[in-house]
Amino acid sequence: MVEIVVMARWPSPGRCKRRLSHDLGNRLGLSNSSERATRIQQRLTQHSAAVVRSLADGMDIEPVLAVSGLGPRAAKRWGQQLGLPLVRLQGKGTLGTRLRRQLMHGHRHGRASVVIGTDLPELNQDDLKQAIEHLNSHELVLGPASDGGYWLLGIGASLIRSPQRWPLIGIPWGGPTVLEATLKAARTHTISTTLVSQRNDLDHWSDLKPWQG
């Protein structure tokens, strides 16, 4: 069984998609830019949840919603609404810390794990299937993002048992060299690695333009 963890922030005005909200306000002059950005985040999260749910119908995977911005009870209700009833909190810390916290659940159960975000309008079943298949022959699978980061992180069954080798320490999270630094750390730990298709995170107005037609 493979665990697929969807890292999601509760879509609240002023607390999510701030860069997109800034662009909508400054470039388009929208007074309600924060609310519009929030609605976009809601739709993106619903899309991510729907893709993972549909994959779970035909594969031996366990979907998980890892929530930021809500307490335990509210997070559980949100998971039920999205059709992802297994819910965990992300907790505090850098992205690396929060990723490691989620991967430790896979470590305790000896399960390969795939982690994705919710900024992915292009997310589809085929990408996730390919990542899961690659985990049969590689310890680490990454989905490159056009901004220099990655939209998917997969840890295979052998690597999940060795947290000390996970390439998550010293990574410049949020910068343009996240993928490069992660690949370098993987080489240092002699981790067999492969990449799946590059996708575009939706963070700015320019990222949204292809979806306007």
Protein backbone atom coordinates (compact mmCIF):
# COMPACT_ATOMS: atom_id res chain seq x y z
CA MET A 1 0.00 0.00 0.00
CA VAL A 2 1.12 3.54 -0.80
CA GLU A 3 0.09 6.53 1.26
CA ILE A 4 -0.77 9.66 -0.74
CA VAL A 5 -0.65 12.77 1.43
CA VAL A 6 -2.37 15.94 0.21
CA MET A 7 -0.81 18.95 1.96
CA ALA A 8 -3.58 21.57 2.16
CA ARG A 9 -3.99 24.98 3.78
CA TRP A 10 -7.51 25.96 4.83
CA PRO A 11 -8.65 28.54 2.22
CA SER A 12 -9.26 31.65 4.29
CA PRO A 13 -9.14 35.24 2.89
CA GLY A 14 -5.82 36.87 3.69
CA ARG A 15 -4.20 33.60 4.76
CA CYS A 16 -3.88 31.70 1.49
CA LYS A 17 -2.72 32.53 -2.03
CA ARG A 18 -1.30 35.88 -0.93
CA ARG A 19 0.88 36.32 -4.01
CA LEU A 20 -2.07 35.64 -6.30
CA SER A 21 -4.25 38.00 -4.27
CA HIS A 22 -1.58 40.69 -4.56
CA ASP A 23 -1.46 40.25 -8.34
CA LEU A 24 -5.25 40.34 -8.68
CA GLY A 25 -5.39 43.56 -6.67
CA ASN A 26 -2.45 45.41 -8.21
CA ARG A 27 -2.67 44.28 -11.83
CA LEU A 28 -6.42 44.02 -12.23
CA GLY A 29 -7.49 46.53 -9.60
CA LEU A 30 -9.89 44.09 -7.95
CA SER A 31 -11.04 45.26 -4.54
CA ASN A 32 -12.06 41.74 -3.55
CA SER A 33 -8.82 40.13 -4.68
CA SER A 34 -8.37 38.21 -1.42
CA GLU A 35 -11.81 36.58 -1.71
CA ARG A 36 -11.20 35.68 -5.36
CA ALA A 37 -7.83 34.14 -4.55
CA THR A 38 -9.50 32.15 -1.78
CA ARG A 39 -12.14 30.78 -4.16
CA ILE A 40 -9.39 29.74 -6.57
CA GLN A 41 -7.63 27.93 -3.72
CA GLN A 42 -10.89 26.18 -2.81
CA ARG A 43 -11.30 24.91 -6.36
CA LEU A 44 -7.69 23.76 -6.57
CA THR A 45 -8.03 21.82 -3.30
CA GLN A 46 -11.27 20.22 -4.45
CA HIS A 47 -9.57 19.21 -7.72
CA SER A 48 -6.60 17.64 -5.91
CA ALA A 49 -8.92 15.72 -3.58
CA ALA A 50 -11.04 14.49 -6.50
CA VAL A 51 -8.00 13.17 -8.41
CA VAL A 52 -6.70 11.31 -5.35
CA ARG A 53 -10.15 9.90 -4.54
CA SER A 54 -10.61 8.61 -8.07
CA LEU A 55 -7.18 6.96 -7.96
CA ALA A 56 -8.02 5.24 -4.68
CA ASP A 57 -10.99 3.53 -6.32
CA GLY A 58 -8.71 1.38 -8.46
CA MET A 59 -5.39 1.16 -6.61
CA ASP A 60 -4.14 0.02 -3.22
CA ILE A 61 -3.49 3.49 -1.80
CA GLU A 62 -4.46 5.31 1.36
CA PRO A 63 -5.35 8.97 0.84
CA VAL A 64 -4.52 11.40 3.65
CA LEU A 65 -5.41 15.08 4.02
CA ALA A 66 -2.68 16.95 5.95
CA VAL A 67 -4.20 20.24 7.09
CA SER A 68 -2.73 23.62 7.99
CA GLY A 69 -4.80 26.49 9.41
CA LEU A 70 -7.47 24.53 11.30
CA GLY A 71 -7.82 22.74 14.60
CA PRO A 72 -8.44 18.97 14.81
CA ARG A 73 -12.27 19.02 14.74
CA ALA A 74 -12.59 21.55 11.93
CA ALA A 75 -9.89 19.74 9.95
CA LYS A 76 -11.81 16.49 10.30
CA ARG A 77 -15.01 18.14 9.03
CA TRP A 78 -13.12 19.57 6.05
CA GLY A 79 -11.70 16.16 5.23
CA GLN A 80 -15.19 14.67 5.26
CA GLN A 81 -16.39 17.41 2.89
CA LEU A 82 -13.51 16.70 0.49
CA GLY A 83 -14.03 12.95 0.65
CA LEU A 84 -10.68 12.40 2.39
CA PRO A 85 -11.75 11.22 5.86
CA LEU A 86 -8.25 10.30 7.07
CA VAL A 87 -7.00 13.67 8.33
CA ARG A 88 -3.81 14.77 10.08
CA LEU A 89 -2.54 18.20 11.07
CA GLN A 90 0.64 19.48 9.44
CA GLY A 91 1.86 21.09 12.65
CA LYS A 92 4.37 23.90 12.90
CA GLY A 93 7.77 24.42 11.31
CA THR A 94 9.33 24.79 7.89
CA LEU A 95 8.03 22.88 4.92
CA GLY A 96 10.83 20.38 5.43
CA THR A 97 9.78 19.81 9.03
CA ARG A 98 6.14 19.37 8.06
CA LEU A 99 7.01 17.00 5.22
CA ARG A 100 9.15 14.91 7.54
CA ARG A 101 6.35 14.80 10.11
CA GLN A 102 3.96 13.36 7.51
CA LEU A 103 6.52 10.91 6.15
CA MET A 104 7.13 9.56 9.63
CA HIS A 105 3.65 8.03 9.54
CA GLY A 106 4.74 6.03 6.49
CA HIS A 107 7.97 5.17 8.30
CA ARG A 108 6.10 3.73 11.30
CA HIS A 109 3.99 1.52 9.03
CA GLY A 110 6.69 0.70 6.47
CA ARG A 111 4.64 2.25 3.67
CA ALA A 112 5.93 4.07 0.61
CA SER A 113 4.61 7.64 0.63
CA VAL A 114 3.77 10.25 -1.97
CA VAL A 115 3.21 13.86 -0.92
CA ILE A 116 1.57 16.51 -3.12
CA GLY A 117 0.25 20.03 -2.65
CA THR A 118 -2.96 21.68 -3.83
CA ASP A 119 -1.67 24.33 -6.27
CA LEU A 120 -1.87 22.03 -9.28
CA PRO A 121 -4.59 22.64 -11.89
CA GLU A 122 -2.82 20.11 -14.17
CA LEU A 123 -2.82 17.30 -11.58
CA ASN A 124 -4.11 14.06 -13.08
CA GLN A 125 -4.29 10.35 -12.33
CA ASP A 126 -1.60 9.41 -14.83
CA ASP A 127 1.04 11.56 -13.09
CA LEU A 128 0.32 9.93 -9.74
CA LYS A 129 0.19 6.44 -11.20
CA GLN A 130 3.56 7.01 -12.86
CA ALA A 131 5.08 8.24 -9.60
CA ILE A 132 3.80 5.19 -7.71
CA GLU A 133 5.14 2.85 -10.40
CA HIS A 134 8.56 4.53 -10.26
CA LEU A 135 8.70 3.86 -6.51
CA ASN A 136 8.95 0.15 -7.31
CA SER A 137 12.42 0.73 -8.77
CA HIS A 138 13.60 4.03 -7.23
CA GLU A 139 13.95 5.25 -3.66
CA LEU A 140 13.01 8.85 -4.45
CA VAL A 141 10.60 10.30 -7.02
CA LEU A 142 10.25 14.04 -7.58
CA GLY A 143 7.84 16.04 -9.71
CA PRO A 144 9.65 19.20 -10.86
CA ALA A 145 7.80 22.51 -10.76
CA SER A 146 8.52 25.35 -13.17
CA ASP A 147 9.58 27.65 -10.30
CA GLY A 148 12.54 25.47 -9.30
CA GLY A 149 10.73 23.50 -6.61
CA TYR A 150 8.76 20.28 -6.89
CA TRP A 151 5.08 19.49 -6.78
CA LEU A 152 5.47 15.83 -5.79
CA LEU A 153 7.75 14.00 -3.37
CA GLY A 154 7.73 10.21 -3.32
CA ILE A 155 9.68 8.07 -0.84
CA GLY A 156 9.93 4.36 -1.63
CA ALA A 157 9.48 1.48 0.81
CA SER A 158 13.23 0.98 1.38
CA LEU A 159 14.02 4.66 1.90
CA ILE A 160 10.99 5.23 4.13
CA ARG A 161 12.67 2.95 6.69
CA SER A 162 15.77 5.20 6.84
CA PRO A 163 14.71 8.73 7.90
CA GLN A 164 18.36 9.69 8.41
CA ARG A 165 18.81 9.50 4.61
CA TRP A 166 15.78 11.57 3.63
CA PRO A 167 17.00 14.59 1.59
CA LEU A 168 15.05 17.20 3.56
CA ILE A 169 17.73 18.84 5.72
CA GLY A 170 19.33 22.13 4.66
CA ILE A 171 16.97 22.70 1.73
CA PRO A 172 16.23 26.41 0.92
CA TRP A 173 12.44 25.97 1.07
CA GLY A 174 10.50 28.51 -0.95
CA GLY A 175 13.44 29.47 -3.16
CA PRO A 176 14.23 28.69 -6.81
CA THR A 177 16.81 25.99 -5.99
CA VAL A 178 14.70 23.57 -3.95
CA LEU A 179 14.77 20.83 -6.59
CA GLU A 180 18.47 21.31 -7.30
CA ALA A 181 19.35 21.18 -3.59
CA THR A 182 17.19 18.10 -3.03
CA LEU A 183 18.80 16.25 -5.93
CA LYS A 184 22.25 17.18 -4.57
CA ALA A 185 21.31 15.85 -1.12
CA ALA A 186 19.99 12.66 -2.73
CA ARG A 187 23.31 12.13 -4.51
CA THR A 188 25.16 12.68 -1.24
CA HIS A 189 23.12 9.90 0.37
CA THR A 190 23.39 7.67 -2.75
CA ILE A 191 19.61 7.66 -3.18
CA SER A 192 18.32 6.31 -6.48
CA THR A 193 16.16 9.08 -7.93
CA THR A 194 13.91 9.71 -10.91
CA LEU A 195 11.66 12.54 -12.07
CA VAL A 196 8.11 12.63 -13.37
CA SER A 197 6.56 15.32 -15.56
CA GLN A 198 7.14 18.99 -14.78
CA ARG A 199 4.04 20.85 -13.69
CA ASN A 200 3.26 24.46 -12.89
CA ASP A 201 2.23 25.54 -9.39
CA LEU A 202 -0.42 28.24 -9.46
CA ASP A 203 0.98 31.09 -7.37
CA HIS A 204 0.74 34.24 -9.52
CA TRP A 205 -1.64 35.86 -12.00
CA SER A 206 0.71 34.83 -14.82
CA ASP A 207 0.22 31.20 -13.76
CA LEU A 208 -3.54 31.63 -14.01
CA LYS A 209 -3.63 33.05 -17.54
CA PRO A 210 -3.51 29.68 -19.37
CA TRP A 211 -6.68 28.66 -17.52
CA GLN A 212 -8.74 31.71 -18.43
CA GLY A 213 -9.89 30.42 -21.79
